[in-house]
C-alpha atoms as a PDB file:
ATOM      1  CA  MET A   1      30.620 -12.059   8.920  1.00  0.00           C
ATOM      2  CA  ARG A   2      28.507  -9.873  11.173  1.00  0.00           C
ATOM      3  CA  LYS A   3      24.845  -9.395  10.345  1.00  0.00           C
ATOM      4  CA  LYS A   4      23.841  -5.990   9.062  1.00  0.00           C
ATOM      5  CA  TRP A   5      21.121  -4.647  11.340  1.00  0.00           C
ATOM      6  CA  THR A   6      18.044  -3.032   9.785  1.00  0.00           C
ATOM      7  CA  TRP A   7      15.053  -1.153  11.125  1.00  0.00           C
ATOM      8  CA  LEU A   8      13.131  -4.439  11.221  1.00  0.00           C
ATOM      9  CA  ASP A   9      15.501  -5.753  13.908  1.00  0.00           C
ATOM     10  CA  ARG A  10      14.334  -3.012  16.276  1.00  0.00           C
ATOM     11  CA  PRO A  11      10.849  -2.580  17.775  1.00  0.00           C
ATOM     12  CA  LEU A  12       8.021  -0.979  15.806  1.00  0.00           C
ATOM     13  CA  LEU A  13       5.656   1.523  17.403  1.00  0.00           C
ATOM     14  CA  GLY A  14       2.055   0.728  16.500  1.00  0.00           C
ATOM     15  CA  PHE A  15      -0.544   3.491  16.775  1.00  0.00           C
ATOM     16  CA  ASP A  16      -4.300   3.271  16.339  1.00  0.00           C
ATOM     17  CA  THR A  17      -7.401   5.156  17.432  1.00  0.00           C
ATOM     18  CA  GLU A  18     -11.143   4.636  17.742  1.00  0.00           C
ATOM     19  CA  THR A  19     -13.148   7.760  17.027  1.00  0.00           C
ATOM     20  CA  THR A  20     -16.578   9.357  16.935  1.00  0.00           C
ATOM     21  CA  GLY A  21     -16.608   9.286  13.127  1.00  0.00           C
ATOM     22  CA  VAL A  22     -14.553   9.562   9.947  1.00  0.00           C
ATOM     23  CA  ASN A  23     -14.331  13.359   9.589  1.00  0.00           C
ATOM     24  CA  VAL A  24     -10.779  14.253  10.633  1.00  0.00           C
ATOM     25  CA  ASP A  25     -11.661  17.937  11.039  1.00  0.00           C
ATOM     26  CA  GLU A  26     -14.702  17.522  13.291  1.00  0.00           C
ATOM     27  CA  ASP A  27     -14.663  14.100  14.940  1.00  0.00           C
ATOM     28  CA  ARG A  28     -12.827  13.223  18.161  1.00  0.00           C
ATOM     29  CA  ILE A  29     -10.564  10.483  19.475  1.00  0.00           C
ATOM     30  CA  VAL A  30     -12.457   8.149  21.830  1.00  0.00           C
ATOM     31  CA  SER A  31      -9.692   5.635  22.570  1.00  0.00           C
ATOM     32  CA  ALA A  32      -6.112   5.173  21.447  1.00  0.00           C
ATOM     33  CA  SER A  33      -3.248   2.740  21.825  1.00  0.00           C
ATOM     34  CA  VAL A  34       0.511   3.010  21.378  1.00  0.00           C
ATOM     35  CA  VAL A  35       2.164  -0.426  21.169  1.00  0.00           C
ATOM     36  CA  ARG A  36       5.860  -1.249  21.286  1.00  0.00           C
ATOM     37  CA  TRP A  37       6.029  -4.421  19.175  1.00  0.00           C
ATOM     38  CA  GLY A  38       8.765  -6.732  17.890  1.00  0.00           C
ATOM     39  CA  GLY A  39      12.531  -6.378  17.925  1.00  0.00           C
ATOM     40  CA  GLY A  40      12.911  -9.455  20.096  1.00  0.00           C
ATOM     41  CA  GLN A  41      11.367  -7.612  23.043  1.00  0.00           C
ATOM     42  CA  VAL A  42       8.208  -8.085  25.079  1.00  0.00           C
ATOM     43  CA  THR A  43       5.217  -6.284  23.580  1.00  0.00           C
ATOM     44  CA  GLU A  44       4.141  -3.295  25.657  1.00  0.00           C
ATOM     45  CA  ALA A  45       0.979  -1.260  25.178  1.00  0.00           C
ATOM     46  CA  ARG A  46      -0.333   2.022  26.547  1.00  0.00           C
ATOM     47  CA  ASN A  47      -4.058   2.609  26.180  1.00  0.00           C
ATOM     48  CA  TRP A  48      -6.184   5.706  26.679  1.00  0.00           C
ATOM     49  CA  LEU A  49      -9.921   6.364  26.989  1.00  0.00           C
ATOM     50  CA  SER A  50     -11.079   9.945  26.539  1.00  0.00           C
ATOM     51  CA  ASP A  51     -14.208  11.633  27.853  1.00  0.00           C
ATOM     52  CA  VAL A  52     -14.411  13.219  24.355  1.00  0.00           C
ATOM     53  CA  GLY A  53     -14.833  16.622  25.914  1.00  0.00           C
ATOM     54  CA  GLY A  54     -18.409  15.774  26.889  1.00  0.00           C
ATOM     55  CA  MET A  55     -19.477  15.129  23.286  1.00  0.00           C
ATOM     56  CA  GLU A  56     -21.991  12.454  22.380  1.00  0.00           C
ATOM     57  CA  ILE A  57     -20.606   9.370  20.643  1.00  0.00           C
ATOM     58  CA  PRO A  58     -22.913   8.564  17.716  1.00  0.00           C
ATOM     59  CA  ALA A  59     -24.624   5.201  17.705  1.00  0.00           C
ATOM     60  CA  GLU A  60     -22.948   4.373  14.393  1.00  0.00           C
ATOM     61  CA  ALA A  61     -19.515   4.788  15.990  1.00  0.00           C
ATOM     62  CA  THR A  62     -20.519   2.791  19.058  1.00  0.00           C
ATOM     63  CA  ALA A  63     -21.629  -0.034  16.762  1.00  0.00           C
ATOM     64  CA  VAL A  64     -18.058  -0.181  15.422  1.00  0.00           C
ATOM     65  CA  HIS A  65     -15.907   0.023  18.567  1.00  0.00           C
ATOM     66  CA  GLY A  66     -18.456  -0.659  21.312  1.00  0.00           C
ATOM     67  CA  ILE A  67     -17.761   2.445  23.447  1.00  0.00           C
ATOM     68  CA  THR A  68     -20.825   4.428  24.486  1.00  0.00           C
ATOM     69  CA  SER A  69     -21.103   8.036  25.615  1.00  0.00           C
ATOM     70  CA  GLU A  70     -21.899   6.872  29.149  1.00  0.00           C
ATOM     71  CA  GLN A  71     -18.764   4.700  29.296  1.00  0.00           C
ATOM     72  CA  ALA A  72     -16.595   7.549  28.016  1.00  0.00           C
ATOM     73  CA  ARG A  73     -17.956   9.981  30.610  1.00  0.00           C
ATOM     74  CA  ALA A  74     -17.657   7.497  33.470  1.00  0.00           C
ATOM     75  CA  ALA A  75     -14.228   5.982  32.765  1.00  0.00           C
ATOM     76  CA  GLY A  76     -12.634   8.422  30.334  1.00  0.00           C
ATOM     77  CA  ARG A  77     -10.027  10.988  31.286  1.00  0.00           C
ATOM     78  CA  PRO A  78     -10.068  14.650  30.186  1.00  0.00           C
ATOM     79  CA  ALA A  79      -9.610  14.791  26.419  1.00  0.00           C
ATOM     80  CA  ALA A  80      -6.851  17.417  26.502  1.00  0.00           C
ATOM     81  CA  ALA A  81      -4.732  15.341  28.906  1.00  0.00           C
ATOM     82  CA  VAL A  82      -5.235  12.222  26.782  1.00  0.00           C
ATOM     83  CA  ILE A  83      -4.141  13.967  23.581  1.00  0.00           C
ATOM     84  CA  GLU A  84      -1.081  15.452  25.302  1.00  0.00           C
ATOM     85  CA  GLU A  85       0.022  12.052  26.609  1.00  0.00           C
ATOM     86  CA  ILE A  86      -0.458  10.358  23.227  1.00  0.00           C
ATOM     87  CA  ILE A  87       1.614  12.991  21.438  1.00  0.00           C
ATOM     88  CA  ALA A  88       4.329  12.843  24.116  1.00  0.00           C
ATOM     89  CA  ALA A  89       4.547   9.032  23.876  1.00  0.00           C
ATOM     90  CA  LEU A  90       4.788   9.083  20.073  1.00  0.00           C
ATOM     91  CA  ALA A  91       7.347  11.906  20.063  1.00  0.00           C
ATOM     92  CA  ALA A  92       9.588  10.214  22.647  1.00  0.00           C
ATOM     93  CA  SER A  93       9.662   6.913  20.731  1.00  0.00           C
ATOM     94  CA  SER A  94      10.168   8.705  17.445  1.00  0.00           C
ATOM     95  CA  ASP A  95      13.138  10.600  18.873  1.00  0.00           C
ATOM     96  CA  ALA A  96      14.538   7.220  19.930  1.00  0.00           C
ATOM     97  CA  GLY A  97      14.539   6.147  16.286  1.00  0.00           C
ATOM     98  CA  LEU A  98      11.457   3.905  16.281  1.00  0.00           C
ATOM     99  CA  PRO A  99       9.096   4.130  13.275  1.00  0.00           C
ATOM    100  CA  ILE A 100       5.406   4.787  13.856  1.00  0.00           C
ATOM    101  CA  VAL A 101       3.244   2.107  12.243  1.00  0.00           C
ATOM    102  CA  ALA A 102      -0.270   3.328  11.476  1.00  0.00           C
ATOM    103  CA  MET A 103      -2.807   1.735   9.183  1.00  0.00           C
ATOM    104  CA  ASN A 104      -4.197   4.412   6.844  1.00  0.00           C
ATOM    105  CA  ALA A 105      -1.880   6.838   8.617  1.00  0.00           C
ATOM    106  CA  GLN A 106      -3.353  10.019   7.159  1.00  0.00           C
ATOM    107  CA  PHE A 107      -6.550   9.403   9.128  1.00  0.00           C
ATOM    108  CA  ASP A 108      -5.181   8.735  12.622  1.00  0.00           C
ATOM    109  CA  LEU A 109      -2.291  11.208  12.460  1.00  0.00           C
ATOM    110  CA  THR A 110      -4.399  13.992  10.938  1.00  0.00           C
ATOM    111  CA  LEU A 111      -7.065  13.482  13.592  1.00  0.00           C
ATOM    112  CA  LEU A 112      -4.372  13.656  16.282  1.00  0.00           C
ATOM    113  CA  GLU A 113      -2.989  16.913  14.867  1.00  0.00           C
ATOM    114  CA  ARG A 114      -6.490  18.455  14.696  1.00  0.00           C
ATOM    115  CA  GLU A 115      -7.096  17.443  18.320  1.00  0.00           C
ATOM    116  CA  ALA A 116      -3.835  19.132  19.306  1.00  0.00           C
ATOM    117  CA  ASP A 117      -4.980  22.345  17.612  1.00  0.00           C
ATOM    118  CA  ARG A 118      -8.383  22.059  19.297  1.00  0.00           C
ATOM    119  CA  TYR A 119      -6.843  22.024  22.794  1.00  0.00           C
ATOM    120  CA  GLY A 120      -3.958  24.395  22.099  1.00  0.00           C
ATOM    121  CA  LEU A 121      -1.280  21.697  22.295  1.00  0.00           C
ATOM    122  CA  ARG A 122       1.941  21.419  20.361  1.00  0.00           C
ATOM    123  CA  ARG A 123       1.548  19.108  17.401  1.00  0.00           C
ATOM    124  CA  LEU A 124       3.407  15.827  17.031  1.00  0.00           C
ATOM    125  CA  PHE A 125       5.139  16.929  13.826  1.00  0.00           C
ATOM    126  CA  ALA A 126       6.209  20.156  15.537  1.00  0.00           C
ATOM    127  CA  ARG A 127       7.812  18.257  18.435  1.00  0.00           C
ATOM    128  CA  SER A 128       9.545  15.512  16.481  1.00  0.00           C
ATOM    129  CA  VAL A 129      10.346  14.184  13.000  1.00  0.00           C
ATOM    130  CA  PRO A 130       8.369  10.934  12.900  1.00  0.00           C
ATOM    131  CA  ARG A 131       9.146   8.248  10.343  1.00  0.00           C
ATOM    132  CA  VAL A 132       5.886   6.531   9.488  1.00  0.00           C
ATOM    133  CA  LEU A 133       5.220   3.085   8.042  1.00  0.00           C
ATOM    134  CA  ASP A 134       1.743   2.568   6.607  1.00  0.00           C
ATOM    135  CA  PRO A 135       0.867  -1.086   5.857  1.00  0.00           C
ATOM    136  CA  ARG A 136      -1.809   0.016   3.415  1.00  0.00           C
ATOM    137  CA  VAL A 137       0.610   2.092   1.329  1.00  0.00           C
ATOM    138  CA  LEU A 138       3.331  -0.563   1.467  1.00  0.00           C
ATOM    139  CA  ASP A 139       0.920  -3.364   0.550  1.00  0.00           C
ATOM    140  CA  LYS A 140      -0.471  -1.403  -2.407  1.00  0.00           C
ATOM    141  CA  HIS A 141       3.040  -0.704  -3.656  1.00  0.00           C
ATOM    142  CA  VAL A 142       4.424  -4.242  -3.484  1.00  0.00           C
ATOM    143  CA  THR A 143       1.198  -5.938  -4.702  1.00  0.00           C
ATOM    144  CA  PRO A 144      -0.336  -3.303  -6.993  1.00  0.00           C
ATOM    145  CA  TYR A 145      -2.497  -5.639  -9.086  1.00  0.00           C
ATOM    146  CA  ARG A 146      -4.142  -7.632  -6.320  1.00  0.00           C
ATOM    147  CA  LYS A 147      -7.916  -7.302  -6.418  1.00  0.00           C
ATOM    148  CA  GLY A 148     -10.110  -6.838  -3.395  1.00  0.00           C
ATOM    149  CA  LYS A 149     -10.231  -4.606  -0.355  1.00  0.00           C
ATOM    150  CA  ARG A 150      -7.208  -3.075   1.363  1.00  0.00           C
ATOM    151  CA  ASN A 151      -8.565  -2.567   4.876  1.00  0.00           C
ATOM    152  CA  LEU A 152      -6.795  -4.018   7.910  1.00  0.00           C
ATOM    153  CA  ALA A 153      -8.901  -7.190   8.003  1.00  0.00           C
ATOM    154  CA  ALA A 154      -8.195  -7.885   4.319  1.00  0.00           C
ATOM    155  CA  LEU A 155      -4.459  -7.276   4.779  1.00  0.00           C
ATOM    156  CA  CYS A 156      -4.355  -9.589   7.782  1.00  0.00           C
ATOM    157  CA  THR A 157      -6.042 -12.317   5.734  1.00  0.00           C
ATOM    158  CA  TYR A 158      -3.655 -11.904   2.808  1.00  0.00           C
ATOM    159  CA  TRP A 159      -0.474 -11.711   4.907  1.00  0.00           C
ATOM    160  CA  CYS A 160      -1.563 -14.487   7.298  1.00  0.00           C
ATOM    161  CA  VAL A 161      -1.776 -12.286  10.396  1.00  0.00           C
ATOM    162  CA  LYS A 162      -4.151 -13.160  13.206  1.00  0.00           C
ATOM    163  CA  LEU A 163      -6.462 -10.273  14.111  1.00  0.00           C
ATOM    164  CA  ASP A 164      -8.051 -10.630  17.531  1.00  0.00           C
ATOM    165  CA  GLY A 165     -10.767  -8.136  18.353  1.00  0.00           C
ATOM    166  CA  ALA A 166     -10.957  -5.910  15.272  1.00  0.00           C
ATOM    167  CA  HIS A 167     -11.800  -2.239  15.949  1.00  0.00           C
ATOM    168  CA  ASN A 168     -10.018  -2.376  19.267  1.00  0.00           C
ATOM    169  CA  ALA A 169      -7.185   0.161  19.199  1.00  0.00           C
ATOM    170  CA  GLU A 170      -4.587  -2.121  20.815  1.00  0.00           C
ATOM    171  CA  ALA A 171      -5.468  -5.159  18.680  1.00  0.00           C
ATOM    172  CA  ASP A 172      -5.431  -3.098  15.485  1.00  0.00           C
ATOM    173  CA  ALA A 173      -2.071  -1.507  16.339  1.00  0.00           C
ATOM    174  CA  LYS A 174      -0.487  -4.919  16.962  1.00  0.00           C
ATOM    175  CA  ALA A 175      -1.943  -6.327  13.737  1.00  0.00           C
ATOM    176  CA  ALA A 176      -0.632  -3.344  11.728  1.00  0.00           C
ATOM    177  CA  CYS A 177       2.883  -3.952  13.068  1.00  0.00           C
ATOM    178  CA  SER A 178       2.647  -7.629  12.201  1.00  0.00           C
ATOM    179  CA  VAL A 179       1.522  -6.854   8.633  1.00  0.00           C
ATOM    180  CA  VAL A 180       4.445  -4.454   8.142  1.00  0.00           C
ATOM    181  CA  SER A 181       6.823  -7.122   9.437  1.00  0.00           C
ATOM    182  CA  LYS A 182       5.412  -9.718   7.020  1.00  0.00           C
ATOM    183  CA  ILE A 183       5.678  -7.322   4.084  1.00  0.00           C
ATOM    184  CA  ALA A 184       9.282  -6.400   4.940  1.00  0.00           C
ATOM    185  CA  ARG A 185      10.319 -10.047   5.271  1.00  0.00           C
ATOM    186  CA  ARG A 186       8.679 -10.925   1.965  1.00  0.00           C
ATOM    187  CA  PHE A 187      10.290  -7.914   0.244  1.00  0.00           C
ATOM    188  CA  PRO A 188      13.621  -7.501   2.101  1.00  0.00           C
ATOM    189  CA  TRP A 189      14.731  -4.614  -0.108  1.00  0.00           C
ATOM    190  CA  LEU A 190      12.431  -2.452   2.026  1.00  0.00           C
ATOM    191  CA  THR A 191      14.632  -3.054   5.065  1.00  0.00           C
ATOM    192  CA  SER A 192      17.721  -1.854   3.196  1.00  0.00           C
ATOM    193  CA  VAL A 193      16.144   1.578   2.754  1.00  0.00           C
ATOM    194  CA  ASP A 194      16.754   4.144   5.478  1.00  0.00           C
ATOM    195  CA  LEU A 195      13.610   4.930   7.461  1.00  0.00           C
ATOM    196  CA  GLY A 196      13.725   8.576   6.460  1.00  0.00           C
ATOM    197  CA  ASP A 197      14.039   7.689   2.784  1.00  0.00           C
ATOM    198  CA  LEU A 198      11.298   5.063   3.094  1.00  0.00           C
ATOM    199  CA  HIS A 199       9.023   7.661   4.667  1.00  0.00           C
ATOM    200  CA  GLU A 200       9.605  10.026   1.742  1.00  0.00           C
ATOM    201  CA  ARG A 201       9.004   7.233  -0.762  1.00  0.00           C
ATOM    202  CA  GLN A 202       5.674   6.470   0.884  1.00  0.00           C
ATOM    203  CA  VAL A 203       4.704  10.120   0.487  1.00  0.00           C
ATOM    204  CA  GLN A 204       5.115   9.743  -3.290  1.00  0.00           C
ATOM    205  CA  TRP A 205       3.526   6.284  -3.384  1.00  0.00           C
ATOM    206  CA  ALA A 206       0.474   7.417  -1.405  1.00  0.00           C
ATOM    207  CA  ARG A 207      -0.058  10.444  -3.649  1.00  0.00           C
ATOM    208  CA  ALA A 208       0.210   8.306  -6.791  1.00  0.00           C
ATOM    209  CA  GLN A 209      -2.113   5.652  -5.388  1.00  0.00           C
ATOM    210  CA  THR A 210      -4.752   8.240  -4.511  1.00  0.00           C
ATOM    211  CA  ALA A 211      -4.486   9.865  -7.934  1.00  0.00           C
ATOM    212  CA  ASP A 212      -4.842   6.472  -9.641  1.00  0.00           C
ATOM    213  CA  PHE A 213      -7.904   5.621  -7.563  1.00  0.00           C
ATOM    214  CA  ARG A 214      -9.541   8.939  -8.379  1.00  0.00           C
ATOM    215  CA  SER A 215      -8.792   8.409 -12.063  1.00  0.00           C
ATOM    216  CA  TYR A 216     -10.440   4.995 -11.851  1.00  0.00           C
ATOM    217  CA  LEU A 217     -13.559   6.488 -10.251  1.00  0.00           C
ATOM    218  CA  ALA A 218     -13.692   9.107 -13.003  1.00  0.00           C
ATOM    219  CA  ARG A 219     -13.476   6.441 -15.708  1.00  0.00           C
ATOM    220  CA  VAL A 220     -16.324   4.373 -14.269  1.00  0.00           C
ATOM    221  CA  GLY A 221     -18.495   7.407 -13.502  1.00  0.00           C
ATOM    222  CA  GLY A 222     -18.150   7.271  -9.700  1.00  0.00           C
ATOM    223  CA  ASP A 223     -18.093  10.156  -7.249  1.00  0.00           C
ATOM    224  CA  VAL A 224     -14.585  11.614  -7.164  1.00  0.00           C
ATOM    225  CA  ASP A 225     -13.386  13.284  -3.959  1.00  0.00           C
ATOM    226  CA  MET A 226     -11.317  16.234  -5.171  1.00  0.00           C
ATOM    227  CA  THR A 227     -10.310  17.573  -1.746  1.00  0.00           C
ATOM    228  CA  PRO A 228      -6.531  18.078  -1.371  1.00  0.00           C
ATOM    229  CA  PHE A 229      -4.696  14.958  -0.277  1.00  0.00           C
ATOM    230  CA  ASP A 230      -1.342  14.334   1.330  1.00  0.00           C
ATOM    231  CA  TRP A 231       0.334  11.712   3.490  1.00  0.00           C
ATOM    232  CA  PRO A 232       0.806  11.146   6.405  1.00  0.00           C
ATOM    233  CA  VAL A 233      -1.138  14.283   7.393  1.00  0.00           C
ATOM    234  CA  LEU A 234      -3.945  15.755   5.307  1.00  0.00           C
ATOM    235  CA  PRO A 235      -3.851  19.486   4.511  1.00  0.00           C
ATOM    236  CA  ALA A 236      -5.731  21.717   6.918  1.00  0.00           C
ATOM    237  CA  PRO A 237      -9.191  22.802   5.735  1.00  0.00           C
ATOM    238  CA  ALA A 238      -9.439  26.233   4.196  1.00  0.00           C
ATOM    239  CA  SER A 239     -10.978  28.969   6.299  1.00  0.00           C
ATOM    240  CA  THR A 240     -13.648  31.278   4.924  1.00  0.00           C
ATOM    241  CA  GLU A 241     -11.176  34.167   4.926  1.00  0.00           C
ATOM    242  CA  ASP A 242      -8.574  32.127   3.057  1.00  0.00           C
ATOM    243  CA  LEU A 243     -11.044  31.114   0.371  1.00  0.00           C
ATOM    244  CA  ALA A 244     -12.258  34.687  -0.036  1.00  0.00           C
ATOM    245  CA  ALA A 245      -8.713  36.046  -0.265  1.00  0.00           C
ATOM    246  CA  GLY A 246      -7.579  33.460  -2.815  1.00  0.00           C
ATOM    247  CA  GLY A 247      -4.911  32.052  -0.493  1.00  0.00           C
ATOM    248  CA  PRO A 248      -3.032  28.759  -0.793  1.00  0.00           C
ATOM    249  CA  ALA A 249      -6.045  26.672   0.177  1.00  0.00           C
ATOM    250  CA  PHE A 250      -8.161  28.438  -2.451  1.00  0.00           C
ATOM    251  CA  ARG A 251      -5.568  27.759  -5.157  1.00  0.00           C
ATOM    252  CA  ALA A 252      -5.244  24.137  -4.055  1.00  0.00           C
ATOM    253  CA  ARG A 253      -8.976  23.594  -4.374  1.00  0.00           C
ATOM    254  CA  GLU A 254      -9.318  25.448  -7.668  1.00  0.00           C
ATOM    255  CA  SER A 255      -6.248  23.886  -9.301  1.00  0.00           C
ATOM    256  CA  PRO A 256      -6.086  20.156  -8.614  1.00  0.00           C
ATOM    257  CA  PRO A 257      -2.950  18.330  -9.718  1.00  0.00           C
ATOM    258  CA  PRO A 258      -2.955  17.503 -13.438  1.00  0.00           C
ATOM    259  CA  SER A 259      -2.949  13.778 -12.655  1.00  0.00           C
ATOM    260  CA  TRP A 260      -6.483  14.104 -11.271  1.00  0.00           C
ATOM    261  CA  ARG A 261      -9.163  13.628 -13.930  1.00  0.00           C
ATOM    262  CA  ARG A 262     -12.471  15.384 -13.756  1.00  0.00           C
ATOM    263  CA  PRO A 263     -15.660  13.309 -13.554  1.00  0.00           C
ATOM    264  CA  PRO A 264     -17.360  12.449 -16.878  1.00  0.00           C
ATOM    265  CA  HIS A 265     -20.249  14.898 -16.308  1.00  0.00           C
ATOM    266  CA  LEU A 266     -17.714  17.758 -16.215  1.00  0.00           C
ATOM    267  CA  SER A 267     -15.486  16.594 -19.023  1.00  0.00           C
ATOM    268  CA  PRO A 268     -16.801  13.984 -21.474  1.00  0.00           C
ATOM    269  CA  PRO A 269     -14.402  11.158 -22.178  1.00  0.00           C
ATOM    270  CA  PRO A 270     -12.519  11.341 -25.476  1.00  0.00           C
ATOM    271  CA  PRO A 271     -13.893   9.222 -28.344  1.00  0.00           C
ATOM    272  CA  HIS A 272     -12.448   5.820 -28.908  1.00  0.00           C
ATOM    273  CA  PRO A 273      -9.733   5.828 -31.599  1.00  0.00           C
ATOM    274  CA  PRO A 274     -10.695   4.116 -34.889  1.00  0.00           C
ATOM    275  CA  PRO A 275      -9.516   0.545 -35.275  1.00  0.00           C
ATOM    276  CA  PRO A 276      -6.259   0.117 -37.189  1.00  0.00           C
ATOM    277  CA  PRO A 277      -6.572  -0.815 -40.904  1.00  0.00           C
ATOM    278  CA  PRO A 278      -6.160  -4.487 -41.700  1.00  0.00           C
ATOM    279  CA  ALA A 279      -2.723  -5.611 -42.747  1.00  0.00           C
ATOM    280  CA  PRO A 280      -2.337  -5.924 -46.545  1.00  0.00           C
ATOM    281  CA  THR A 281      -2.546  -9.439 -47.866  1.00  0.00           C
ATOM    282  CA  ARG A 282       0.479 -10.537 -49.827  1.00  0.00           C
ATOM    283  CA  LEU A 283      -0.555 -12.297 -53.009  1.00  0.00           C
ATOM    284  CA  ARG A 284       1.636 -15.031 -54.489  1.00  0.00           C
ATOM    285  CA  ARG A 285       1.659 -15.269 -58.245  1.00  0.00           C
ATOM    286  CA  SER A 286       1.061 -18.779 -59.527  1.00  0.00           C
ATOM    287  CA  ARG A 287       3.473 -20.210 -62.099  1.00  0.00           C
ATOM    288  CA  PRO A 288       1.801 -21.190 -65.386  1.00  0.00           C
ATOM    289  CA  ALA A 289       1.754 -24.873 -66.249  1.00  0.00           C
ATOM    290  CA  ARG A 290       4.203 -26.080 -68.888  1.00  0.00           C
ATOM    291  CA  PRO A 291       2.576 -26.843 -72.232  1.00  0.00           C
ATOM    292  CA  THR A 292       2.207 -30.506 -73.187  1.00  0.00           C
ATOM    293  CA  SER A 293       0.955 -30.019 -76.708  1.00  0.00           C
ATOM    294  CA  PRO A 294       2.367 -32.135 -79.619  1.00  0.00           C
ATOM    295  CA  SER A 295       4.137 -29.093 -80.959  1.00  0.00           C
ATOM    296  CA  SER A 296       6.358 -28.908 -77.868  1.00  0.00           C
ATOM    297  CA  VAL A 297       7.325 -32.588 -78.238  1.00  0.00           C
ATOM    298  CA  THR A 298       8.287 -32.007 -81.878  1.00  0.00           C
ATOM    299  CA  ALA A 299      10.384 -29.037 -80.858  1.00  0.00           C
ATOM    300  CA  ARG A 300      12.380 -31.140 -78.361  1.00  0.00           C
ATOM    301  CA  GLN A 301      13.016 -33.763 -81.045  1.00  0.00           C
ATOM    302  CA  ARG A 302      14.296 -31.156 -83.489  1.00  0.00           C
ATOM    303  CA  ALA A 303      16.671 -29.881 -80.753  1.00  0.00           C
ATOM    304  CA  GLY A 304      18.268 -33.339 -80.586  1.00  0.00           C
ATOM    305  CA  ARG A 305      16.964 -34.258 -77.159  1.00  0.00           C
ATOM    306  CA  PRO A 306      15.863 -37.845 -76.740  1.00  0.00           C
ATOM    307  CA  ARG A 307      12.240 -38.601 -76.262  1.00  0.00           C
ATOM    308  CA  THR A 308      11.364 -39.662 -72.755  1.00  0.00           C
ATOM    309  CA  PRO A 309       9.780 -43.115 -72.767  1.00  0.00           C
END
């Protein structure tokens, strides 16, 4: 009987970036890597270093990935050319049927789309129909009750994946592919799902996971981020004109999904329900003792019953 081939038998396309910060609307891509991993083939990687358009790389970002502003200016290529090549590489592999593996995909892919808009380039999702696999979303779905962090280092520890050189785009992309492979082999039903269907399922899983996390923060009194969320690309920020005109972005911000709970200072939590009444105790009636008076003995004798010795 011939083996049924699945998407896991073909290469995965890992994608990761190192950036100037965590704001997808304002920060820039410093370095990026696209890795062709698995499928019984030799691992191949393409790496880019951007000059960040002449921007300064904050010291906090340099402390994470080790790239300084001076290094980016000296060895980096023009940012617009870097973004164009990254999008072209991802689109070509996606058109060939390979899934894009990205840890916390809504960050890297949203940042890439914002960079495309910044330099007047055609977006990735306008050029192709990528199927994305996010190890964070998959891990949260198959192990929903596991405590602890869900960052790449924590996932590598849990799924027994070696992570060499964390916060290096190539190393992180390879590790993300390895985590997805481990998850799929542990839960083989994932490989029986078509990549397009699995992508759509992750959209629903990611939305539910974010809503659950926000509900948890509301219950414990934490700060709840109520900005619109989606996966694998976050909604574009609302412009001043859109907010003033009451456009779609205005309605999205004013009317969060009903699954999102407001923080306690905006809506006090409901009172605890009263405890249930105790269960009624069933009383057993005791049987009265038989009389042993002389009169009862005389009555038995008159009835003709022999006296018990």
